[in-house]
Amino acid sequence: MKLYLKTFLLVGSCLGVITHFVTRESMPWWPDTVVMGATFGTMATLGMFQHRRTNRLLWNALKTTFRRS
């Protein structure tokens, strides 16, 4: 759980600040930049969760395949 929280906070804050300064006209800090940061953080956390889940499923399938051989 700590890893997901760290990912959310790190990616959300970094990409929120980057999008604040990169856009043609600076976005207001609230709510635009905060919402963008929360969205990026959520997407990064969900992507990380899915990646770890997929790795576990593939590893279990590989172990099962080699045990049957």
PDB file of N, CA and C in Angstrom:
ATOM      1  N   MET A   1       0.820  -1.194   0.000  1.00  0.00           N
ATOM      2  CA  MET A   1       0.000   0.000   0.000  1.00  0.00           C
ATOM      3  C   MET A   1       0.863   1.256   0.000  1.00  0.00           C
ATOM      4  N   LYS A   2       1.995   1.199   0.727  1.00  0.00           N
ATOM      5  CA  LYS A   2       2.878   2.358   0.773  1.00  0.00           C
ATOM      6  C   LYS A   2       3.442   2.684  -0.610  1.00  0.00           C
ATOM      7  N   LEU A   3       3.736   1.629  -1.389  1.00  0.00           N
ATOM      8  CA  LEU A   3       4.295   1.837  -2.716  1.00  0.00           C
ATOM      9  C   LEU A   3       3.306   2.557  -3.627  1.00  0.00           C
ATOM     10  N   TYR A   4       2.031   2.176  -3.548  1.00  0.00           N
ATOM     11  CA  TYR A   4       1.016   2.821  -4.371  1.00  0.00           C
ATOM     12  C   TYR A   4       0.796   4.274  -3.952  1.00  0.00           C
ATOM     13  N   LEU A   5       0.831   4.523  -2.662  1.00  0.00           N
ATOM     14  CA  LEU A   5       0.665   5.889  -2.168  1.00  0.00           C
ATOM     15  C   LEU A   5       1.840   6.769  -2.590  1.00  0.00           C
ATOM     16  N   LYS A   6       3.053   6.232  -2.495  1.00  0.00           N
ATOM     17  CA  LYS A   6       4.232   6.987  -2.933  1.00  0.00           C
ATOM     18  C   LYS A   6       4.165   7.281  -4.431  1.00  0.00           C
ATOM     19  N   THR A   7       3.730   6.290  -5.215  1.00  0.00           N
ATOM     20  CA  THR A   7       3.594   6.490  -6.659  1.00  0.00           C
ATOM     21  C   THR A   7       2.580   7.581  -6.954  1.00  0.00           C
ATOM     22  N   PHE A   8       1.439   7.523  -6.297  1.00  0.00           N
ATOM     23  CA  PHE A   8       0.400   8.530  -6.515  1.00  0.00           C
ATOM     24  C   PHE A   8       0.911   9.928  -6.179  1.00  0.00           C
ATOM     25  N   LEU A   9       1.530  10.076  -5.020  1.00  0.00           N
ATOM     26  CA  LEU A   9       1.994  11.396  -4.592  1.00  0.00           C
ATOM     27  C   LEU A   9       3.126  11.919  -5.470  1.00  0.00           C
ATOM     28  N   LEU A  10       4.079  11.061  -5.808  1.00  0.00           N
ATOM     29  CA  LEU A  10       5.222  11.502  -6.609  1.00  0.00           C
ATOM     30  C   LEU A  10       4.800  11.874  -8.027  1.00  0.00           C
ATOM     31  N   VAL A  11       4.121  10.972  -8.705  1.00  0.00           N
ATOM     32  CA  VAL A  11       3.715  11.232 -10.091  1.00  0.00           C
ATOM     33  C   VAL A  11       2.681  12.347 -10.148  1.00  0.00           C
ATOM     34  N   GLY A  12       1.727  12.333  -9.238  1.00  0.00           N
ATOM     35  CA  GLY A  12       0.685  13.363  -9.243  1.00  0.00           C
ATOM     36  C   GLY A  12       1.236  14.752  -9.035  1.00  0.00           C
ATOM     37  N   SER A  13       2.124  14.895  -8.058  1.00  0.00           N
ATOM     38  CA  SER A  13       2.665  16.234  -7.802  1.00  0.00           C
ATOM     39  C   SER A  13       3.614  16.685  -8.908  1.00  0.00           C
ATOM     40  N   CYS A  14       4.480  15.795  -9.377  1.00  0.00           N
ATOM     41  CA  CYS A  14       5.432  16.180 -10.436  1.00  0.00           C
ATOM     42  C   CYS A  14       4.715  16.552 -11.733  1.00  0.00           C
ATOM     43  N   LEU A  15       3.836  15.690 -12.198  1.00  0.00           N
ATOM     44  CA  LEU A  15       3.164  15.974 -13.461  1.00  0.00           C
ATOM     45  C   LEU A  15       2.156  17.109 -13.339  1.00  0.00           C
ATOM     46  N   GLY A  16       1.572  17.289 -12.169  1.00  0.00           N
ATOM     47  CA  GLY A  16       0.686  18.439 -11.960  1.00  0.00           C
ATOM     48  C   GLY A  16       1.438  19.754 -12.084  1.00  0.00           C
ATOM     49  N   VAL A  17       2.609  19.835 -11.462  1.00  0.00           N
ATOM     50  CA  VAL A  17       3.427  21.054 -11.548  1.00  0.00           C
ATOM     51  C   VAL A  17       3.952  21.255 -12.968  1.00  0.00           C
ATOM     52  N   ILE A  18       4.367  20.171 -13.622  1.00  0.00           N
ATOM     53  CA  ILE A  18       4.867  20.289 -14.999  1.00  0.00           C
ATOM     54  C   ILE A  18       3.772  20.805 -15.926  1.00  0.00           C
ATOM     55  N   THR A  19       2.560  20.258 -15.820  1.00  0.00           N
ATOM     56  CA  THR A  19       1.486  20.734 -16.696  1.00  0.00           C
ATOM     57  C   THR A  19       1.089  22.171 -16.369  1.00  0.00           C
ATOM     58  N   HIS A  20       1.283  22.590 -15.141  1.00  0.00           N
ATOM     59  CA  HIS A  20       0.978  23.971 -14.771  1.00  0.00           C
ATOM     60  C   HIS A  20       1.870  24.944 -15.533  1.00  0.00           C
ATOM     61  N   PHE A  21       3.149  24.608 -15.673  1.00  0.00           N
ATOM     62  CA  PHE A  21       4.097  25.525 -16.303  1.00  0.00           C
ATOM     63  C   PHE A  21       4.250  25.313 -17.805  1.00  0.00           C
ATOM     64  N   VAL A  22       3.906  24.143 -18.319  1.00  0.00           N
ATOM     65  CA  VAL A  22       4.126  23.836 -19.733  1.00  0.00           C
ATOM     66  C   VAL A  22       3.020  24.373 -20.632  1.00  0.00           C
ATOM     67  N   THR A  23       1.813  24.478 -20.114  1.00  0.00           N
ATOM     68  CA  THR A  23       0.705  24.940 -20.947  1.00  0.00           C
ATOM     69  C   THR A  23       0.933  26.366 -21.437  1.00  0.00           C
ATOM     70  N   ARG A  24       0.298  26.683 -22.543  1.00  0.00           N
ATOM     71  CA  ARG A  24       0.472  27.996 -23.152  1.00  0.00           C
ATOM     72  C   ARG A  24       0.142  29.120 -22.169  1.00  0.00           C
ATOM     73  N   GLU A  25      -0.985  29.011 -21.520  1.00  0.00           N
ATOM     74  CA  GLU A  25      -1.365  29.958 -20.469  1.00  0.00           C
ATOM     75  C   GLU A  25      -1.353  29.189 -19.154  1.00  0.00           C
ATOM     76  N   SER A  26      -0.690  29.721 -18.142  1.00  0.00           N
ATOM     77  CA  SER A  26      -0.601  29.010 -16.869  1.00  0.00           C
ATOM     78  C   SER A  26      -1.986  28.722 -16.301  1.00  0.00           C
ATOM     79  N   MET A  27      -2.177  27.489 -15.882  1.00  0.00           N
ATOM     80  CA  MET A  27      -3.452  27.103 -15.285  1.00  0.00           C
ATOM     81  C   MET A  27      -3.494  27.620 -13.848  1.00  0.00           C
ATOM     82  N   PRO A  28      -4.676  27.908 -13.339  1.00  0.00           N
ATOM     83  CA  PRO A  28      -4.756  28.241 -11.919  1.00  0.00           C
ATOM     84  C   PRO A  28      -4.425  27.004 -11.082  1.00  0.00           C
ATOM     85  N   TRP A  29      -3.821  27.243  -9.906  1.00  0.00           N
ATOM     86  CA  TRP A  29      -3.427  26.115  -9.073  1.00  0.00           C
ATOM     87  C   TRP A  29      -4.633  25.292  -8.643  1.00  0.00           C
ATOM     88  N   TRP A  30      -5.685  25.980  -8.279  1.00  0.00           N
ATOM     89  CA  TRP A  30      -6.887  25.259  -7.886  1.00  0.00           C
ATOM     90  C   TRP A  30      -7.998  25.628  -8.822  1.00  0.00           C
ATOM     91  N   PRO A  31      -8.722  24.800  -9.397  1.00  0.00           N
ATOM     92  CA  PRO A  31      -8.738  23.354  -9.303  1.00  0.00           C
ATOM     93  C   PRO A  31      -7.990  22.676 -10.444  1.00  0.00           C
ATOM     94  N   ASP A  32      -7.591  23.421 -11.476  1.00  0.00           N
ATOM     95  CA  ASP A  32      -7.063  22.787 -12.688  1.00  0.00           C
ATOM     96  C   ASP A  32      -5.803  21.964 -12.444  1.00  0.00           C
ATOM     97  N   THR A  33      -4.797  22.552 -11.831  1.00  0.00           N
ATOM     98  CA  THR A  33      -3.542  21.846 -11.631  1.00  0.00           C
ATOM     99  C   THR A  33      -3.717  20.679 -10.671  1.00  0.00           C
ATOM    100  N   VAL A  34      -4.504  20.853  -9.638  1.00  0.00           N
ATOM    101  CA  VAL A  34      -4.730  19.786  -8.665  1.00  0.00           C
ATOM    102  C   VAL A  34      -5.470  18.620  -9.310  1.00  0.00           C
ATOM    103  N   VAL A  35      -6.458  18.920 -10.127  1.00  0.00           N
ATOM    104  CA  VAL A  35      -7.216  17.863 -10.795  1.00  0.00           C
ATOM    105  C   VAL A  35      -6.327  17.114 -11.788  1.00  0.00           C
ATOM    106  N   MET A  36      -5.484  17.838 -12.526  1.00  0.00           N
ATOM    107  CA  MET A  36      -4.564  17.182 -13.461  1.00  0.00           C
ATOM    108  C   MET A  36      -3.585  16.288 -12.704  1.00  0.00           C
ATOM    109  N   GLY A  37      -3.057  16.764 -11.596  1.00  0.00           N
ATOM    110  CA  GLY A  37      -2.136  15.961 -10.797  1.00  0.00           C
ATOM    111  C   GLY A  37      -2.806  14.715 -10.237  1.00  0.00           C
ATOM    112  N   ALA A  38      -4.029  14.865  -9.744  1.00  0.00           N
ATOM    113  CA  ALA A  38      -4.752  13.705  -9.210  1.00  0.00           C
ATOM    114  C   ALA A  38      -5.050  12.688 -10.310  1.00  0.00           C
ATOM    115  N   THR A  39      -5.371  13.167 -11.496  1.00  0.00           N
ATOM    116  CA  THR A  39      -5.648  12.269 -12.613  1.00  0.00           C
ATOM    117  C   THR A  39      -4.391  11.502 -13.010  1.00  0.00           C
ATOM    118  N   PHE A  40      -3.276  12.212 -13.178  1.00  0.00           N
ATOM    119  CA  PHE A  40      -2.013  11.547 -13.526  1.00  0.00           C
ATOM    120  C   PHE A  40      -1.592  10.564 -12.442  1.00  0.00           C
ATOM    121  N   GLY A  41      -1.731  10.942 -11.187  1.00  0.00           N
ATOM    122  CA  GLY A  41      -1.369  10.056 -10.092  1.00  0.00           C
ATOM    123  C   GLY A  41      -2.226   8.799 -10.058  1.00  0.00           C
ATOM    124  N   THR A  42      -3.516   8.954 -10.296  1.00  0.00           N
ATOM    125  CA  THR A  42      -4.414   7.798 -10.317  1.00  0.00           C
ATOM    126  C   THR A  42      -4.078   6.860 -11.466  1.00  0.00           C
ATOM    127  N   MET A  43      -3.825   7.416 -12.644  1.00  0.00           N
ATOM    128  CA  MET A  43      -3.482   6.582 -13.793  1.00  0.00           C
ATOM    129  C   MET A  43      -2.165   5.841 -13.576  1.00  0.00           C
ATOM    130  N   ALA A  44      -1.177   6.501 -12.984  1.00  0.00           N
ATOM    131  CA  ALA A  44       0.101   5.848 -12.709  1.00  0.00           C
ATOM    132  C   ALA A  44      -0.061   4.723 -11.689  1.00  0.00           C
ATOM    133  N   THR A  45      -0.863   4.959 -10.668  1.00  0.00           N
ATOM    134  CA  THR A  45      -1.084   3.939  -9.643  1.00  0.00           C
ATOM    135  C   THR A  45      -1.832   2.739 -10.217  1.00  0.00           C
ATOM    136  N   LEU A  46      -2.854   2.985 -11.025  1.00  0.00           N
ATOM    137  CA  LEU A  46      -3.585   1.881 -11.651  1.00  0.00           C
ATOM    138  C   LEU A  46      -2.700   1.103 -12.621  1.00  0.00           C
ATOM    139  N   GLY A  47      -1.866   1.804 -13.374  1.00  0.00           N
ATOM    140  CA  GLY A  47      -0.938   1.139 -14.282  1.00  0.00           C
ATOM    141  C   GLY A  47       0.057   0.270 -13.541  1.00  0.00           C
ATOM    142  N   MET A  48       0.551   0.762 -12.429  1.00  0.00           N
ATOM    143  CA  MET A  48       1.495  -0.008 -11.620  1.00  0.00           C
ATOM    144  C   MET A  48       0.816  -1.230 -11.007  1.00  0.00           C
ATOM    145  N   PHE A  49      -0.396  -1.073 -10.527  1.00  0.00           N
ATOM    146  CA  PHE A  49      -1.147  -2.193  -9.973  1.00  0.00           C
ATOM    147  C   PHE A  49      -1.348  -3.275 -11.029  1.00  0.00           C
ATOM    148  N   GLN A  50      -1.751  -2.877 -12.225  1.00  0.00           N
ATOM    149  CA  GLN A  50      -1.996  -3.845 -13.302  1.00  0.00           C
ATOM    150  C   GLN A  50      -0.700  -4.522 -13.724  1.00  0.00           C
ATOM    151  N   HIS A  51       0.389  -3.779 -13.773  1.00  0.00           N
ATOM    152  CA  HIS A  51       1.688  -4.341 -14.165  1.00  0.00           C
ATOM    153  C   HIS A  51       2.121  -5.422 -13.175  1.00  0.00           C
ATOM    154  N   ARG A  52       2.012  -5.133 -11.874  1.00  0.00           N
ATOM    155  CA  ARG A  52       2.407  -6.113 -10.860  1.00  0.00           C
ATOM    156  C   ARG A  52       1.499  -7.336 -10.896  1.00  0.00           C
ATOM    157  N   ARG A  53       0.212  -7.123 -11.130  1.00  0.00           N
ATOM    158  CA  ARG A  53      -0.738  -8.239 -11.201  1.00  0.00           C
ATOM    159  C   ARG A  53      -0.436  -9.125 -12.405  1.00  0.00           C
ATOM    160  N   THR A  54      -0.148  -8.512 -13.542  1.00  0.00           N
ATOM    161  CA  THR A  54       0.157  -9.266 -14.755  1.00  0.00           C
ATOM    162  C   THR A  54       1.434 -10.078 -14.575  1.00  0.00           C
ATOM    163  N   ASN A  55       2.453  -9.482 -13.967  1.00  0.00           N
ATOM    164  CA  ASN A  55       3.692 -10.216 -13.723  1.00  0.00           C
ATOM    165  C   ASN A  55       3.442 -11.440 -12.854  1.00  0.00           C
ATOM    166  N   ARG A  56       2.630 -11.291 -11.818  1.00  0.00           N
ATOM    167  CA  ARG A  56       2.329 -12.409 -10.925  1.00  0.00           C
ATOM    168  C   ARG A  56       1.591 -13.510 -11.679  1.00  0.00           C
ATOM    169  N   LEU A  57       0.618 -13.136 -12.508  1.00  0.00           N
ATOM    170  CA  LEU A  57      -0.140 -14.136 -13.265  1.00  0.00           C
ATOM    171  C   LEU A  57       0.756 -14.875 -14.256  1.00  0.00           C
ATOM    172  N   LEU A  58       1.623 -14.152 -14.945  1.00  0.00           N
ATOM    173  CA  LEU A  58       2.535 -14.794 -15.900  1.00  0.00           C
ATOM    174  C   LEU A  58       3.511 -15.728 -15.192  1.00  0.00           C
ATOM    175  N   TRP A  59       4.039 -15.306 -14.069  1.00  0.00           N
ATOM    176  CA  TRP A  59       4.979 -16.133 -13.325  1.00  0.00           C
ATOM    177  C   TRP A  59       4.302 -17.414 -12.833  1.00  0.00           C
ATOM    178  N   ASN A  60       3.081 -17.296 -12.325  1.00  0.00           N
ATOM    179  CA  ASN A  60       2.349 -18.490 -11.869  1.00  0.00           C
ATOM    180  C   ASN A  60       2.054 -19.430 -13.032  1.00  0.00           C
ATOM    181  N   ALA A  61       1.719 -18.898 -14.188  1.00  0.00           N
ATOM    182  CA  ALA A  61       1.462 -19.730 -15.364  1.00  0.00           C
ATOM    183  C   ALA A  61       2.727 -20.455 -15.802  1.00  0.00           C
ATOM    184  N   LEU A  62       3.857 -19.770 -15.747  1.00  0.00           N
ATOM    185  CA  LEU A  62       5.127 -20.394 -16.118  1.00  0.00           C
ATOM    186  C   LEU A  62       5.486 -21.511 -15.151  1.00  0.00           C
ATOM    187  N   LYS A  63       5.323 -21.274 -13.858  1.00  0.00           N
ATOM    188  CA  LYS A  63       5.626 -22.314 -12.872  1.00  0.00           C
ATOM    189  C   LYS A  63       4.732 -23.528 -13.072  1.00  0.00           C
ATOM    190  N   THR A  64       3.454 -23.292 -13.334  1.00  0.00           N
ATOM    191  CA  THR A  64       2.523 -24.400 -13.548  1.00  0.00           C
ATOM    192  C   THR A  64       2.900 -25.199 -14.782  1.00  0.00           C
ATOM    193  N   THR A  65       3.305 -24.518 -15.839  1.00  0.00           N
ATOM    194  CA  THR A  65       3.678 -25.193 -17.076  1.00  0.00           C
ATOM    195  C   THR A  65       4.889 -26.079 -16.870  1.00  0.00           C
ATOM    196  N   PHE A  66       5.886 -25.587 -16.175  1.00  0.00           N
ATOM    197  CA  PHE A  66       7.088 -26.386 -15.985  1.00  0.00           C
ATOM    198  C   PHE A  66       6.909 -27.496 -14.953  1.00  0.00           C
ATOM    199  N   ARG A  67       5.995 -27.367 -14.032  1.00  0.00           N
ATOM    200  CA  ARG A  67       5.720 -28.440 -13.070  1.00  0.00           C
ATOM    201  C   ARG A  67       5.014 -29.601 -13.747  1.00  0.00           C
ATOM    202  N   ARG A  68       4.216 -29.314 -14.741  1.00  0.00           N
ATOM    203  CA  ARG A  68       3.486 -30.371 -15.457  1.00  0.00           C
ATOM    204  C   ARG A  68       4.376 -31.133 -16.421  1.00  0.00           C
ATOM    205  N   SER A  69       5.458 -30.526 -16.854  1.00  0.00           N
ATOM    206  CA  SER A  69       6.332 -31.192 -17.845  1.00  0.00           C
ATOM    207  C   SER A  69       7.140 -32.304 -17.249  1.00  0.00           C
TER     208      SER A  69
END
